[in-house]
Structure formats: C-alpha cells, structure tokens
C-alpha atoms as a PDB file:
ATOM      1  CA  MET A   1      16.328  -2.933   4.005  1.00  0.00           C
ATOM      2  CA  THR A   2      13.058  -1.219   3.229  1.00  0.00           C
ATOM      3  CA  VAL A   3      10.030  -1.678   5.448  1.00  0.00           C
ATOM      4  CA  LEU A   4       7.594  -0.410   2.842  1.00  0.00           C
ATOM      5  CA  THR A   5       6.744  -3.723   1.238  1.00  0.00           C
ATOM      6  CA  ASN A   6       3.394  -4.832  -0.104  1.00  0.00           C
ATOM      7  CA  ARG A   7       1.360  -6.564   2.586  1.00  0.00           C
ATOM      8  CA  THR A   8      -2.311  -7.013   3.327  1.00  0.00           C
ATOM      9  CA  ALA A   9      -3.710  -5.783   6.620  1.00  0.00           C
ATOM     10  CA  ARG A  10      -4.818  -8.399   9.134  1.00  0.00           C
ATOM     11  CA  THR A  11      -7.916  -6.425  10.049  1.00  0.00           C
ATOM     12  CA  GLY A  12     -10.597  -4.623   8.068  1.00  0.00           C
ATOM     13  CA  THR A  13     -12.899  -5.580   5.261  1.00  0.00           C
ATOM     14  CA  ALA A  14     -10.481  -4.455   2.558  1.00  0.00           C
ATOM     15  CA  PRO A  15      -6.698  -4.183   2.418  1.00  0.00           C
ATOM     16  CA  ALA A  16      -5.511  -0.660   3.132  1.00  0.00           C
ATOM     17  CA  THR A  17      -2.959   0.744   0.715  1.00  0.00           C
ATOM     18  CA  TRP A  18       0.611  -0.317   1.428  1.00  0.00           C
ATOM     19  CA  PRO A  19       3.151   0.980   0.693  1.00  0.00           C
ATOM     20  CA  PRO A  20       1.310   4.207   1.442  1.00  0.00           C
ATOM     21  CA  ARG A  21       1.111   6.711  -1.369  1.00  0.00           C
ATOM     22  CA  THR A  22       0.343   9.599   0.977  1.00  0.00           C
ATOM     23  CA  ALA A  23       0.917  10.262   4.676  1.00  0.00           C
ATOM     24  CA  VAL A  24       0.612  12.886   7.387  1.00  0.00           C
ATOM     25  CA  VAL A  25       3.432  12.734   9.957  1.00  0.00           C
ATOM     26  CA  THR A  26       3.323  14.776  13.160  1.00  0.00           C
ATOM     27  CA  GLY A  27       6.418  15.454  15.205  1.00  0.00           C
ATOM     28  CA  ALA A  28       8.294  15.291  11.908  1.00  0.00           C
ATOM     29  CA  SER A  29      10.959  17.848  12.776  1.00  0.00           C
ATOM     30  CA  SER A  30      13.014  15.464  14.949  1.00  0.00           C
ATOM     31  CA  GLY A  31      13.317  12.038  16.521  1.00  0.00           C
ATOM     32  CA  ILE A  32      11.025   9.185  15.557  1.00  0.00           C
ATOM     33  CA  GLY A  33       8.775  11.378  13.417  1.00  0.00           C
ATOM     34  CA  ARG A  34      11.715  12.652  11.394  1.00  0.00           C
ATOM     35  CA  GLU A  35      13.023   9.130  10.772  1.00  0.00           C
ATOM     36  CA  ALA A  36       9.564   7.944   9.778  1.00  0.00           C
ATOM     37  CA  ALA A  37       9.284  10.790   7.281  1.00  0.00           C
ATOM     38  CA  LEU A  38      12.643   9.868   5.747  1.00  0.00           C
ATOM     39  CA  LEU A  39      11.690   6.197   5.427  1.00  0.00           C
ATOM     40  CA  LEU A  40       8.349   7.017   3.874  1.00  0.00           C
ATOM     41  CA  ALA A  41       9.976   9.337   1.359  1.00  0.00           C
ATOM     42  CA  ALA A  42      12.488   6.636   0.445  1.00  0.00           C
ATOM     43  CA  GLY A  43       9.516   4.401  -0.378  1.00  0.00           C
ATOM     44  CA  GLY A  44       8.010   6.984  -2.699  1.00  0.00           C
ATOM     45  CA  CYS A  45       5.365   8.289  -0.298  1.00  0.00           C
ATOM     46  CA  ARG A  46       4.248  11.922  -0.513  1.00  0.00           C
ATOM     47  CA  SER A  47       3.896  13.405   2.947  1.00  0.00           C
ATOM     48  CA  LEU A  48       2.656  16.418   4.835  1.00  0.00           C
ATOM     49  CA  LEU A  49       5.107  17.013   7.668  1.00  0.00           C
ATOM     50  CA  VAL A  50       3.753  18.603  10.830  1.00  0.00           C
ATOM     51  CA  GLY A  51       5.775  20.190  13.635  1.00  0.00           C
ATOM     52  CA  ARG A  52       6.344  23.257  15.776  1.00  0.00           C
ATOM     53  CA  ASN A  53      10.009  23.881  14.894  1.00  0.00           C
ATOM     54  CA  GLY A  54       9.774  25.587  11.525  1.00  0.00           C
ATOM     55  CA  ALA A  55      13.509  25.630  10.759  1.00  0.00           C
ATOM     56  CA  ALA A  56      13.987  21.946  11.569  1.00  0.00           C
ATOM     57  CA  LEU A  57      10.834  21.101   9.639  1.00  0.00           C
ATOM     58  CA  ASP A  58      12.219  22.909   6.597  1.00  0.00           C
ATOM     59  CA  GLU A  59      15.307  20.671   6.679  1.00  0.00           C
ATOM     60  CA  VAL A  60      13.237  17.487   6.786  1.00  0.00           C
ATOM     61  CA  ALA A  61      10.926  18.772   4.056  1.00  0.00           C
ATOM     62  CA  ALA A  62      13.939  19.498   1.852  1.00  0.00           C
ATOM     63  CA  ALA A  63      15.392  16.042   2.482  1.00  0.00           C
ATOM     64  CA  THR A  64      12.104  14.305   1.706  1.00  0.00           C
ATOM     65  CA  GLU A  65      10.762  16.694  -0.940  1.00  0.00           C
ATOM     66  CA  GLY A  66       7.623  16.772   1.190  1.00  0.00           C
ATOM     67  CA  HIS A  67       5.139  19.428   2.149  1.00  0.00           C
ATOM     68  CA  ARG A  68       5.222  20.963   5.596  1.00  0.00           C
ATOM     69  CA  ILE A  69       3.027  22.880   7.979  1.00  0.00           C
ATOM     70  CA  SER A  70       4.422  24.499  11.099  1.00  0.00           C
ATOM     71  CA  VAL A  71       1.701  24.421  13.725  1.00  0.00           C
ATOM     72  CA  ASP A  72       1.171  23.822  17.432  1.00  0.00           C
ATOM     73  CA  LEU A  73      -1.225  20.885  17.504  1.00  0.00           C
ATOM     74  CA  SER A  74      -2.339  21.777  21.025  1.00  0.00           C
ATOM     75  CA  ALA A  75      -3.847  25.036  19.713  1.00  0.00           C
ATOM     76  CA  ALA A  76      -7.598  25.000  19.160  1.00  0.00           C
ATOM     77  CA  GLY A  77      -8.531  24.297  15.557  1.00  0.00           C
ATOM     78  CA  SER A  78      -5.033  23.237  14.490  1.00  0.00           C
ATOM     79  CA  GLU A  79      -6.224  19.724  13.682  1.00  0.00           C
ATOM     80  CA  VAL A  80      -8.737  21.148  11.190  1.00  0.00           C
ATOM     81  CA  ALA A  81      -5.985  23.181   9.541  1.00  0.00           C
ATOM     82  CA  VAL A  82      -3.782  20.096   9.179  1.00  0.00           C
ATOM     83  CA  ALA A  83      -6.577  17.909   7.833  1.00  0.00           C
ATOM     84  CA  SER A  84      -7.617  20.600   5.354  1.00  0.00           C
ATOM     85  CA  ARG A  85      -4.040  21.154   4.184  1.00  0.00           C
ATOM     86  CA  ALA A  86      -3.497  17.426   3.793  1.00  0.00           C
ATOM     87  CA  SER A  87      -6.619  17.073   1.665  1.00  0.00           C
ATOM     88  CA  GLU A  88      -5.567  20.032  -0.467  1.00  0.00           C
ATOM     89  CA  LEU A  89      -1.988  18.845  -1.062  1.00  0.00           C
ATOM     90  CA  LEU A  90      -2.264  15.063  -0.949  1.00  0.00           C
ATOM     91  CA  GLY A  91      -5.859  14.171  -1.689  1.00  0.00           C
ATOM     92  CA  ASP A  92      -6.706  10.900   0.041  1.00  0.00           C
ATOM     93  CA  VAL A  93      -4.422  10.189   3.012  1.00  0.00           C
ATOM     94  CA  ASP A  94      -3.386   6.547   3.322  1.00  0.00           C
ATOM     95  CA  LEU A  95      -1.440   6.828   6.586  1.00  0.00           C
ATOM     96  CA  LEU A  96      -1.578   9.087   9.633  1.00  0.00           C
ATOM     97  CA  VAL A  97       1.464   8.944  11.923  1.00  0.00           C
ATOM     98  CA  CYS A  98       0.908  10.586  15.319  1.00  0.00           C
ATOM     99  CA  SER A  99       4.450  11.001  16.611  1.00  0.00           C
ATOM    100  CA  ALA A 100       4.408  14.434  18.234  1.00  0.00           C
ATOM    101  CA  GLY A 101       4.873  14.337  21.984  1.00  0.00           C
ATOM    102  CA  LEU A 102       6.133  16.155  25.038  1.00  0.00           C
ATOM    103  CA  GLY A 103       8.097  14.824  28.010  1.00  0.00           C
ATOM    104  CA  ALA A 104       8.407  15.868  31.623  1.00  0.00           C
ATOM    105  CA  ALA A 105      10.374  14.536  34.564  1.00  0.00           C
ATOM    106  CA  GLY A 106      10.597  15.254  38.255  1.00  0.00           C
ATOM    107  CA  PRO A 107       8.611  14.674  41.445  1.00  0.00           C
ATOM    108  CA  PHE A 108       4.884  14.804  40.820  1.00  0.00           C
ATOM    109  CA  ASP A 109       4.181  16.712  44.029  1.00  0.00           C
ATOM    110  CA  VAL A 110       6.062  19.754  42.774  1.00  0.00           C
ATOM    111  CA  MET A 111       4.901  19.625  39.160  1.00  0.00           C
ATOM    112  CA  SER A 112       2.909  22.712  38.235  1.00  0.00           C
ATOM    113  CA  PRO A 113      -0.707  22.476  37.091  1.00  0.00           C
ATOM    114  CA  GLU A 114       0.320  24.320  33.931  1.00  0.00           C
ATOM    115  CA  ALA A 115       2.944  21.687  33.094  1.00  0.00           C
ATOM    116  CA  ILE A 116       0.455  18.871  33.643  1.00  0.00           C
ATOM    117  CA  ALA A 117      -2.128  20.618  31.477  1.00  0.00           C
ATOM    118  CA  GLU A 118       0.416  21.062  28.675  1.00  0.00           C
ATOM    119  CA  LEU A 119       1.351  17.380  28.781  1.00  0.00           C
ATOM    120  CA  VAL A 120      -2.277  16.362  28.496  1.00  0.00           C
ATOM    121  CA  ALA A 121      -2.885  18.852  25.682  1.00  0.00           C
ATOM    122  CA  VAL A 122       0.095  17.716  23.587  1.00  0.00           C
ATOM    123  CA  ASN A 123       0.205  13.992  24.342  1.00  0.00           C
ATOM    124  CA  VAL A 124      -3.504  13.176  24.634  1.00  0.00           C
ATOM    125  CA  LEU A 125      -5.874  15.791  23.279  1.00  0.00           C
ATOM    126  CA  SER A 126      -3.801  16.705  20.209  1.00  0.00           C
ATOM    127  CA  PRO A 127      -3.521  13.216  18.678  1.00  0.00           C
ATOM    128  CA  MET A 128      -7.140  12.466  19.531  1.00  0.00           C
ATOM    129  CA  ALA A 129      -8.279  15.672  17.832  1.00  0.00           C
ATOM    130  CA  LEU A 130      -6.204  15.026  14.716  1.00  0.00           C
ATOM    131  CA  VAL A 131      -7.406  11.445  14.390  1.00  0.00           C
ATOM    132  CA  ARG A 132     -10.972  12.694  14.843  1.00  0.00           C
ATOM    133  CA  ALA A 133     -10.428  15.255  12.068  1.00  0.00           C
ATOM    134  CA  MET A 134      -8.973  12.768   9.582  1.00  0.00           C
ATOM    135  CA  LEU A 135     -10.890   9.593  10.398  1.00  0.00           C
ATOM    136  CA  PRO A 136     -14.179  10.434   8.626  1.00  0.00           C
ATOM    137  CA  ALA A 137     -12.484  10.627   5.220  1.00  0.00           C
ATOM    138  CA  MET A 138     -10.794   7.264   5.811  1.00  0.00           C
ATOM    139  CA  LEU A 139     -14.086   5.707   6.851  1.00  0.00           C
ATOM    140  CA  ASP A 140     -15.809   7.122   3.778  1.00  0.00           C
ATOM    141  CA  ARG A 141     -13.175   5.445   1.601  1.00  0.00           C
ATOM    142  CA  GLY A 142     -13.188   2.275   3.694  1.00  0.00           C
ATOM    143  CA  GLN A 143      -9.425   2.436   3.776  1.00  0.00           C
ATOM    144  CA  GLY A 144      -6.665   3.931   5.901  1.00  0.00           C
ATOM    145  CA  ARG A 145      -4.015   3.323   8.524  1.00  0.00           C
ATOM    146  CA  ILE A 146      -3.409   5.111  11.796  1.00  0.00           C
ATOM    147  CA  LEU A 147      -0.063   4.747  13.565  1.00  0.00           C
ATOM    148  CA  ILE A 148       0.219   6.143  17.095  1.00  0.00           C
ATOM    149  CA  VAL A 149       3.547   6.499  18.892  1.00  0.00           C
ATOM    150  CA  GLY A 150       3.060   5.739  22.567  1.00  0.00           C
ATOM    151  CA  SER A 151       5.646   4.689  25.136  1.00  0.00           C
ATOM    152  CA  ILE A 152       6.518   1.816  27.430  1.00  0.00           C
ATOM    153  CA  ALA A 153       5.749   4.354  30.183  1.00  0.00           C
ATOM    154  CA  GLY A 154       2.100   3.989  29.196  1.00  0.00           C
ATOM    155  CA  ALA A 155       2.134   0.271  29.973  1.00  0.00           C
ATOM    156  CA  LEU A 156       4.555   0.322  32.910  1.00  0.00           C
ATOM    157  CA  GLY A 157       4.421   3.537  34.934  1.00  0.00           C
ATOM    158  CA  VAL A 158       7.828   5.145  35.426  1.00  0.00           C
ATOM    159  CA  ARG A 159       8.745   6.844  38.681  1.00  0.00           C
ATOM    160  CA  GLY A 160       9.769  10.434  38.185  1.00  0.00           C
ATOM    161  CA  GLU A 161       7.527  10.567  35.100  1.00  0.00           C
ATOM    162  CA  VAL A 162       4.100  10.253  36.690  1.00  0.00           C
ATOM    163  CA  ALA A 163       2.153  12.708  34.535  1.00  0.00           C
ATOM    164  CA  TYR A 164       3.954  11.626  31.357  1.00  0.00           C
ATOM    165  CA  SER A 165       3.179   7.968  32.117  1.00  0.00           C
ATOM    166  CA  ALA A 166      -0.477   8.859  32.617  1.00  0.00           C
ATOM    167  CA  THR A 167      -0.701  10.593  29.233  1.00  0.00           C
ATOM    168  CA  LYS A 168       0.881   7.642  27.466  1.00  0.00           C
ATOM    169  CA  ALA A 169      -1.424   5.226  29.272  1.00  0.00           C
ATOM    170  CA  ALA A 170      -4.281   7.253  27.831  1.00  0.00           C
ATOM    171  CA  MET A 171      -2.940   6.506  24.348  1.00  0.00           C
ATOM    172  CA  VAL A 172      -2.974   2.777  25.073  1.00  0.00           C
ATOM    173  CA  GLY A 173      -6.670   2.987  25.903  1.00  0.00           C
ATOM    174  CA  PHE A 174      -7.392   5.298  22.982  1.00  0.00           C
ATOM    175  CA  ALA A 175      -5.718   3.054  20.416  1.00  0.00           C
ATOM    176  CA  ASP A 176      -7.331  -0.085  21.815  1.00  0.00           C
ATOM    177  CA  ALA A 177     -10.841   1.365  21.848  1.00  0.00           C
ATOM    178  CA  LEU A 178     -10.477   3.030  18.437  1.00  0.00           C
ATOM    179  CA  ARG A 179      -9.218  -0.209  16.923  1.00  0.00           C
ATOM    180  CA  ALA A 180     -12.288  -2.031  18.197  1.00  0.00           C
ATOM    181  CA  GLU A 181     -14.618   0.693  16.938  1.00  0.00           C
ATOM    182  CA  VAL A 182     -13.287   0.734  13.364  1.00  0.00           C
ATOM    183  CA  ALA A 183     -12.789  -3.024  13.066  1.00  0.00           C
ATOM    184  CA  GLY A 184     -14.227  -4.371   9.843  1.00  0.00           C
ATOM    185  CA  ARG A 185     -14.350  -0.933   8.234  1.00  0.00           C
ATOM    186  CA  GLY A 186     -11.030  -1.009   6.378  1.00  0.00           C
ATOM    187  CA  ILE A 187      -9.054   0.974   8.970  1.00  0.00           C
ATOM    188  CA  THR A 188      -6.086  -0.374  10.936  1.00  0.00           C
ATOM    189  CA  VAL A 189      -4.787   1.161  14.169  1.00  0.00           C
ATOM    190  CA  THR A 190      -1.220   0.369  15.228  1.00  0.00           C
ATOM    191  CA  LEU A 191       0.277   1.464  18.543  1.00  0.00           C
ATOM    192  CA  CYS A 192       4.059   1.648  18.867  1.00  0.00           C
ATOM    193  CA  LEU A 193       5.440   1.303  22.404  1.00  0.00           C
ATOM    194  CA  PRO A 194       9.130   2.148  22.347  1.00  0.00           C
ATOM    195  CA  GLY A 195      11.465   2.091  25.310  1.00  0.00           C
ATOM    196  CA  VAL A 196      14.247   4.619  25.767  1.00  0.00           C
ATOM    197  CA  VAL A 197      14.997   6.257  22.413  1.00  0.00           C
ATOM    198  CA  ASP A 198      18.046   8.325  21.505  1.00  0.00           C
ATOM    199  CA  THR A 199      16.332  11.599  20.560  1.00  0.00           C
ATOM    200  CA  PRO A 200      16.313  15.249  21.744  1.00  0.00           C
ATOM    201  CA  PHE A 201      13.324  14.256  23.919  1.00  0.00           C
ATOM    202  CA  PHE A 202      15.304  14.156  27.151  1.00  0.00           C
ATOM    203  CA  HIS A 203      16.983  17.482  26.517  1.00  0.00           C
ATOM    204  CA  ARG A 204      13.655  19.150  25.791  1.00  0.00           C
ATOM    205  CA  ARG A 205      12.015  17.739  28.914  1.00  0.00           C
ATOM    206  CA  GLY A 206      14.733  19.357  31.036  1.00  0.00           C
ATOM    207  CA  ALA A 207      16.197  16.175  32.550  1.00  0.00           C
ATOM    208  CA  PRO A 208      18.814  13.940  30.910  1.00  0.00           C
ATOM    209  CA  TYR A 209      18.538  10.161  30.794  1.00  0.00           C
ATOM    210  CA  VAL A 210      20.916   8.887  33.484  1.00  0.00           C
ATOM    211  CA  ARG A 211      20.133   5.185  33.870  1.00  0.00           C
ATOM    212  CA  ARG A 212      22.875   2.770  32.846  1.00  0.00           C
ATOM    213  CA  TRP A 213      20.331   0.258  31.568  1.00  0.00           C
ATOM    214  CA  PRO A 214      18.476  -0.062  29.294  1.00  0.00           C
ATOM    215  CA  ARG A 215      20.526   1.886  26.829  1.00  0.00           C
ATOM    216  CA  PRO A 216      18.779   4.226  24.389  1.00  0.00           C
ATOM    217  CA  ILE A 217      17.979   2.782  20.968  1.00  0.00           C
ATOM    218  CA  PRO A 218      18.200   4.677  17.657  1.00  0.00           C
ATOM    219  CA  ALA A 219      15.095   6.551  16.530  1.00  0.00           C
ATOM    220  CA  ALA A 220      15.587   5.108  13.035  1.00  0.00           C
ATOM    221  CA  LEU A 221      15.140   1.577  14.407  1.00  0.00           C
ATOM    222  CA  VAL A 222      11.853   2.536  16.057  1.00  0.00           C
ATOM    223  CA  ALA A 223      10.607   4.172  12.869  1.00  0.00           C
ATOM    224  CA  GLU A 224      11.542   1.149  10.781  1.00  0.00           C
ATOM    225  CA  ARG A 225       9.810  -1.333  13.057  1.00  0.00           C
ATOM    226  CA  MET A 226       6.662   0.690  13.604  1.00  0.00           C
ATOM    227  CA  LEU A 227       6.179   1.275   9.873  1.00  0.00           C
ATOM    228  CA  ALA A 228       6.683  -2.440   9.244  1.00  0.00           C
ATOM    229  CA  ALA A 229       4.057  -3.171  11.909  1.00  0.00           C
ATOM    230  CA  ALA A 230       1.646  -0.687  10.333  1.00  0.00           C
ATOM    231  CA  GLY A 231       2.208  -2.403   7.003  1.00  0.00           C
ATOM    232  CA  ARG A 232       1.234  -5.740   8.551  1.00  0.00           C
ATOM    233  CA  GLY A 233      -1.797  -4.203  10.218  1.00  0.00           C
ATOM    234  CA  SER A 234      -0.452  -5.212  13.635  1.00  0.00           C
ATOM    235  CA  ALA A 235      -2.239  -3.907  16.707  1.00  0.00           C
ATOM    236  CA  GLU A 236       0.948  -3.191  18.658  1.00  0.00           C
ATOM    237  CA  VAL A 237       4.702  -3.189  18.253  1.00  0.00           C
ATOM    238  CA  TRP A 238       7.199  -3.100  21.129  1.00  0.00           C
ATOM    239  CA  VAL A 239      10.664  -1.700  20.458  1.00  0.00           C
ATOM    240  CA  PRO A 240      12.791  -3.436  21.597  1.00  0.00           C
ATOM    241  CA  GLY A 241      10.734  -6.608  21.638  1.00  0.00           C
ATOM    242  CA  TRP A 242      11.840  -7.731  25.101  1.00  0.00           C
ATOM    243  CA  LEU A 243       9.705  -4.959  26.610  1.00  0.00           C
ATOM    244  CA  LEU A 244       6.673  -7.169  26.077  1.00  0.00           C
ATOM    245  CA  GLY A 245       8.232  -9.669  28.472  1.00  0.00           C
ATOM    246  CA  ALA A 246       8.453  -7.008  31.158  1.00  0.00           C
ATOM    247  CA  VAL A 247       4.786  -6.156  30.633  1.00  0.00           C
ATOM    248  CA  ARG A 248       3.814  -9.820  30.932  1.00  0.00           C
ATOM    249  CA  ILE A 249       5.757 -10.142  34.190  1.00  0.00           C
ATOM    250  CA  HIS A 250       3.988  -7.032  35.451  1.00  0.00           C
ATOM    251  CA  GLY A 251       0.618  -8.557  34.647  1.00  0.00           C
ATOM    252  CA  ALA A 252       1.330 -12.088  35.881  1.00  0.00           C
ATOM    253  CA  VAL A 253       3.579 -11.463  38.905  1.00  0.00           C
ATOM    254  CA  PRO A 254       3.336  -7.783  39.858  1.00  0.00           C
ATOM    255  CA  SER A 255       5.328  -8.253  43.077  1.00  0.00           C
ATOM    256  CA  LEU A 256       8.271  -9.649  41.096  1.00  0.00           C
ATOM    257  CA  TYR A 257       8.023  -6.804  38.612  1.00  0.00           C
ATOM    258  CA  ARG A 258       8.118  -4.232  41.418  1.00  0.00           C
ATOM    259  CA  ARG A 259      11.237  -5.836  42.862  1.00  0.00           C
ATOM    260  CA  LEU A 260      12.961  -5.779  39.477  1.00  0.00           C
ATOM    261  CA  ALA A 261      11.853  -2.197  38.855  1.00  0.00           C
ATOM    262  CA  GLY A 262      13.366  -1.247  42.212  1.00  0.00           C
ATOM    263  CA  VAL A 263      16.709  -2.621  41.027  1.00  0.00           C
ATOM    264  CA  PHE A 264      16.700  -1.354  37.429  1.00  0.00           C
ATOM    265  CA  GLY A 265      14.515   1.736  37.806  1.00  0.00           C
END
C-alpha cells in the first residue's frame, strides 16, 4: 500500500504538492530516513539523500536512483551546502525530511559535557539550521512541507536518556512554534513522535534496548505513517498510536503516569 496519494493539506493558503516531486531526506543512510527515501522513490519522487556514512548512503542512492551528499550536518555551514546542492539538483524542493539524529544513554551525572554538546548539535541545532536554510525558498513559492522526526522521549522524558529527551523536547517546541509562524503561508509542518524503533540507533548510542515492553517497531512502519501524515498536512503523528494515550495520562493524571512508568520503565 502506497502512502503517496493525492491529498490536500489541512493548513496553508494553498495545497502543497503531494505526492512530492522532490525531497531532501537527512539521516537517509539507515533507519527511518532510509525507509522514507525508499518509499519516496517508489512514489516517483526525486530526492537528495543526506548522511554521514558515505558507503551506506551510496547503497540507498543506488536503490532509489537518488542523489546523495555525505556531510556532517553539525558542521558549520553544512546546511548551506545541502540547500545549495538541493537547489542545483532538484530545483524547487517540495518536502524536507529531518530524520538525522543521535542517541545517548546512561546516568546524566556522569555524561561528559562533550557528549551533551554533540547531542544538542546533531539533534537540535542541525535540523533547525537546515530548516532555516531551506524555508525561505518554500515561503517564496508559498508551498512546501517540512517533516521532523522527533521521539516519544521528547513528550515523556525517559530515565537513563536525560540529555536525549531534552533534545527531542526541543524539537516538539520547535515544530509547534514553526507551524504557528508559517500558518496560512502554504507551508505544513509535521512532527513524527515514534516510540521504540528497530534500527541501528541503539547500537550506535552504545547501549542496547533491554526492556521487554514495548517491543521495537519496524522503521518502515514509522516511515509509512509519517509520510502519510505529511501528505494529510497533519501537525503530529504518533507511532504507534497508543503513545498518545500515555501522553494524555501524563498530562491529566501525572501521578498515575509516574506509577505506570515505574512499572514499565
């Protein structure tokens, strides 16, 4: 089942193009970003794939017949390089998918300042800088979609992932404020808040996922649902959907949520 069907956005003065003809996808070398790139290619979208792992990026580019740029988005000026390359190769960009991210786990009191700074650089400053670099062209056209991959950890802080939770909470605020600022100007902003996803994320962060519940969900499922949500112009999408219930319990009865979190982690 394809998620790239023709729909009109719920926000904005004009419907943004969907299915997208062109897209920029960060974090495209693995996980959710990779699956999003594959789905977009299957729908006929031309993409610029962005990632740090050049070899893995080459494989995805070959599978999607897309363009690629191997770059560290936390490096100064990298967002300008990506935006310039996208304009050169794709012309107008219909969709920006910010999927690149970094994880970290362990007690906060022993986490190094360098590790915290890297998390903030990759998870917060990098997507903000790239959106800032690409947004003016979308606003000039009065058309475009921005899809940001956050995490349930940004809505419900996770013990053992204090700094990571803080960076993802920043993305909740960023997406919410940006959405309000561009409302009525033809731009949609969708935030995806996935739970535990079966990707190399946990291996790269240096700590495996050990909880028995909830079980990790496939990255392809997250990619499918977030692209469908972007196509609808939805503000947020929770994957799996029951996560929204946990957030509502947290907001309505925080003491109950804390008890449940103590049981399930």
